[in-house]
C-alpha atoms as a PDB file:
ATOM      1  CA  GLY A   1      -0.764  18.385 -53.726  1.00  0.00           C
ATOM      2  CA  GLY A   2       0.532  15.380 -51.920  1.00  0.00           C
ATOM      3  CA  ARG A   3       1.147  14.351 -48.366  1.00  0.00           C
ATOM      4  CA  VAL A   4       4.286  15.702 -46.748  1.00  0.00           C
ATOM      5  CA  ASP A   5       5.601  14.686 -43.343  1.00  0.00           C
ATOM      6  CA  ALA A   6       7.090  17.584 -41.457  1.00  0.00           C
ATOM      7  CA  ILE A   7       7.674  19.089 -38.054  1.00  0.00           C
ATOM      8  CA  PHE A   8       6.057  22.456 -37.513  1.00  0.00           C
ATOM      9  CA  GLY A   9       7.198  24.992 -34.956  1.00  0.00           C
ATOM     10  CA  PHE A  10       5.242  28.053 -33.914  1.00  0.00           C
ATOM     11  CA  CYS A  11       6.877  31.028 -32.199  1.00  0.00           C
ATOM     12  CA  ASP A  12       4.690  33.808 -30.845  1.00  0.00           C
ATOM     13  CA  ILE A  13       5.805  37.168 -29.456  1.00  0.00           C
ATOM     14  CA  MET A  14       4.127  37.370 -26.070  1.00  0.00           C
ATOM     15  CA  HIS A  15       2.233  40.563 -25.161  1.00  0.00           C
ATOM     16  CA  PHE A  16       2.577  41.823 -28.724  1.00  0.00           C
ATOM     17  CA  THR A  17      -0.348  44.249 -28.529  1.00  0.00           C
ATOM     18  CA  ASP A  18       1.065  45.895 -25.402  1.00  0.00           C
ATOM     19  CA  THR A  19       4.512  45.988 -26.999  1.00  0.00           C
ATOM     20  CA  THR A  20       3.206  47.744 -30.111  1.00  0.00           C
ATOM     21  CA  GLU A  21       1.554  50.404 -27.960  1.00  0.00           C
ATOM     22  CA  VAL A  22       4.773  51.057 -26.037  1.00  0.00           C
ATOM     23  CA  LEU A  23       7.197  50.922 -28.992  1.00  0.00           C
ATOM     24  CA  GLN A  24       4.878  52.581 -31.543  1.00  0.00           C
ATOM     25  CA  ASP A  25       7.120  53.536 -34.505  1.00  0.00           C
ATOM     26  CA  GLU A  26       9.924  51.254 -33.322  1.00  0.00           C
ATOM     27  CA  VAL A  27       7.810  48.074 -33.310  1.00  0.00           C
ATOM     28  CA  MET A  28       9.066  46.958 -36.736  1.00  0.00           C
ATOM     29  CA  VAL A  29      12.676  47.261 -35.582  1.00  0.00           C
ATOM     30  CA  PHE A  30      11.768  45.074 -32.582  1.00  0.00           C
ATOM     31  CA  VAL A  31      10.018  42.468 -34.771  1.00  0.00           C
ATOM     32  CA  ASN A  32      12.901  42.452 -37.267  1.00  0.00           C
ATOM     33  CA  ARG A  33      15.403  41.792 -34.468  1.00  0.00           C
ATOM     34  CA  ILE A  34      13.335  38.847 -33.282  1.00  0.00           C
ATOM     35  CA  ALA A  35      12.895  37.645 -36.871  1.00  0.00           C
ATOM     36  CA  HIS A  36      16.669  37.703 -37.374  1.00  0.00           C
ATOM     37  CA  ILE A  37      17.183  35.466 -34.331  1.00  0.00           C
ATOM     38  CA  VAL A  38      14.362  33.099 -35.347  1.00  0.00           C
ATOM     39  CA  HIS A  39      15.522  32.781 -38.963  1.00  0.00           C
ATOM     40  CA  THR A  40      19.178  32.335 -38.026  1.00  0.00           C
ATOM     41  CA  CYS A  41      18.475  29.586 -35.481  1.00  0.00           C
ATOM     42  CA  VAL A  42      16.026  27.729 -37.722  1.00  0.00           C
ATOM     43  CA  LYS A  43      18.350  27.772 -40.728  1.00  0.00           C
ATOM     44  CA  GLU A  44      21.327  26.735 -38.560  1.00  0.00           C
ATOM     45  CA  PHE A  45      19.407  23.572 -37.635  1.00  0.00           C
ATOM     46  CA  PHE A  46      18.181  22.757 -41.169  1.00  0.00           C
ATOM     47  CA  GLY A  47      14.658  24.118 -40.886  1.00  0.00           C
ATOM     48  CA  ASN A  48      12.825  26.735 -42.902  1.00  0.00           C
ATOM     49  CA  PRO A  49      11.031  29.832 -41.666  1.00  0.00           C
ATOM     50  CA  ASN A  50       7.769  29.442 -43.545  1.00  0.00           C
ATOM     51  CA  LYS A  51       5.560  32.368 -42.659  1.00  0.00           C
ATOM     52  CA  ASN A  52       5.423  35.466 -40.481  1.00  0.00           C
ATOM     53  CA  MET A  53       1.971  36.371 -39.187  1.00  0.00           C
ATOM     54  CA  GLY A  54       2.579  39.672 -37.419  1.00  0.00           C
ATOM     55  CA  SER A  55       3.431  38.484 -33.927  1.00  0.00           C
ATOM     56  CA  ALA A  56       4.105  34.849 -34.843  1.00  0.00           C
ATOM     57  CA  PHE A  57       6.425  32.741 -36.970  1.00  0.00           C
ATOM     58  CA  LEU A  58       5.630  29.372 -38.559  1.00  0.00           C
ATOM     59  CA  LEU A  59       8.705  27.146 -38.879  1.00  0.00           C
ATOM     60  CA  VAL A  60       9.054  23.870 -40.795  1.00  0.00           C
ATOM     61  CA  TRP A  61      11.412  20.904 -40.848  1.00  0.00           C
ATOM     62  CA  ARG A  62      10.521  18.681 -43.816  1.00  0.00           C
ATOM     63  CA  LEU A  63      10.866  14.968 -43.070  1.00  0.00           C
ATOM     64  CA  SER A  64       9.497  13.450 -46.289  1.00  0.00           C
ATOM     65  CA  GLY A  65      12.160  12.024 -48.552  1.00  0.00           C
ATOM     66  CA  HIS A  66      14.660  11.444 -45.750  1.00  0.00           C
ATOM     67  CA  PRO A  67      15.543   8.063 -44.245  1.00  0.00           C
ATOM     68  CA  ALA A  68      14.264   7.309 -40.718  1.00  0.00           C
ATOM     69  CA  LYS A  69      17.630   8.029 -39.070  1.00  0.00           C
ATOM     70  CA  LYS A  70      17.833  11.459 -40.710  1.00  0.00           C
ATOM     71  CA  GLN A  71      14.213  12.174 -39.728  1.00  0.00           C
ATOM     72  CA  GLN A  72      15.123  11.546 -36.083  1.00  0.00           C
ATOM     73  CA  LYS A  73      18.082  13.921 -36.390  1.00  0.00           C
ATOM     74  CA  LEU A  74      15.836  16.563 -37.943  1.00  0.00           C
ATOM     75  CA  ALA A  75      13.370  16.160 -35.066  1.00  0.00           C
ATOM     76  CA  ASP A  76      16.210  16.669 -32.587  1.00  0.00           C
ATOM     77  CA  MET A  77      17.450  19.702 -34.508  1.00  0.00           C
ATOM     78  CA  ALA A  78      13.963  21.231 -34.567  1.00  0.00           C
ATOM     79  CA  LEU A  79      13.766  20.988 -30.792  1.00  0.00           C
ATOM     80  CA  ILE A  80      17.275  22.383 -30.339  1.00  0.00           C
ATOM     81  CA  ALA A  81      16.487  25.286 -32.690  1.00  0.00           C
ATOM     82  CA  LEU A  82      13.388  26.232 -30.693  1.00  0.00           C
ATOM     83  CA  ILE A  83      15.315  26.083 -27.415  1.00  0.00           C
ATOM     84  CA  LYS A  84      18.099  28.202 -28.919  1.00  0.00           C
ATOM     85  CA  ILE A  85      15.572  30.809 -30.137  1.00  0.00           C
ATOM     86  CA  VAL A  86      14.227  31.230 -26.599  1.00  0.00           C
ATOM     87  CA  ALA A  87      17.764  31.420 -25.177  1.00  0.00           C
ATOM     88  CA  GLN A  88      19.022  33.921 -27.772  1.00  0.00           C
ATOM     89  CA  ILE A  89      16.038  36.203 -27.257  1.00  0.00           C
ATOM     90  CA  ALA A  90      16.499  36.030 -23.483  1.00  0.00           C
ATOM     91  CA  ILE A  91      20.160  37.089 -23.635  1.00  0.00           C
ATOM     92  CA  SER A  92      19.926  39.557 -26.533  1.00  0.00           C
ATOM     93  CA  PRO A  93      21.275  42.952 -25.441  1.00  0.00           C
ATOM     94  CA  THR A  94      19.448  44.719 -28.283  1.00  0.00           C
ATOM     95  CA  LEU A  95      16.069  43.304 -27.249  1.00  0.00           C
ATOM     96  CA  SER A  96      16.504  44.071 -23.558  1.00  0.00           C
ATOM     97  CA  SER A  97      16.982  47.782 -24.216  1.00  0.00           C
END
């Protein structure tokens, strides 16, 4: 392996243990709805969902191989994607029910 420069984002579902107890059989539907929002926002802003760890998502924006100006744009897009994830989850009618 070699060195790779990248931006990593980490999204965690707060109070996941309590949520699983309340939702029981429906917890996977809940997680899948969140995953859809996370994946859509990350891909829209040129990142890659890398790994799901139960209640958390690891997100990556690879910088290596891009010129400095593009790296700055990718950094901006990573931040915008994370803000949009929070906003989309907050206003989602399917998650509020």
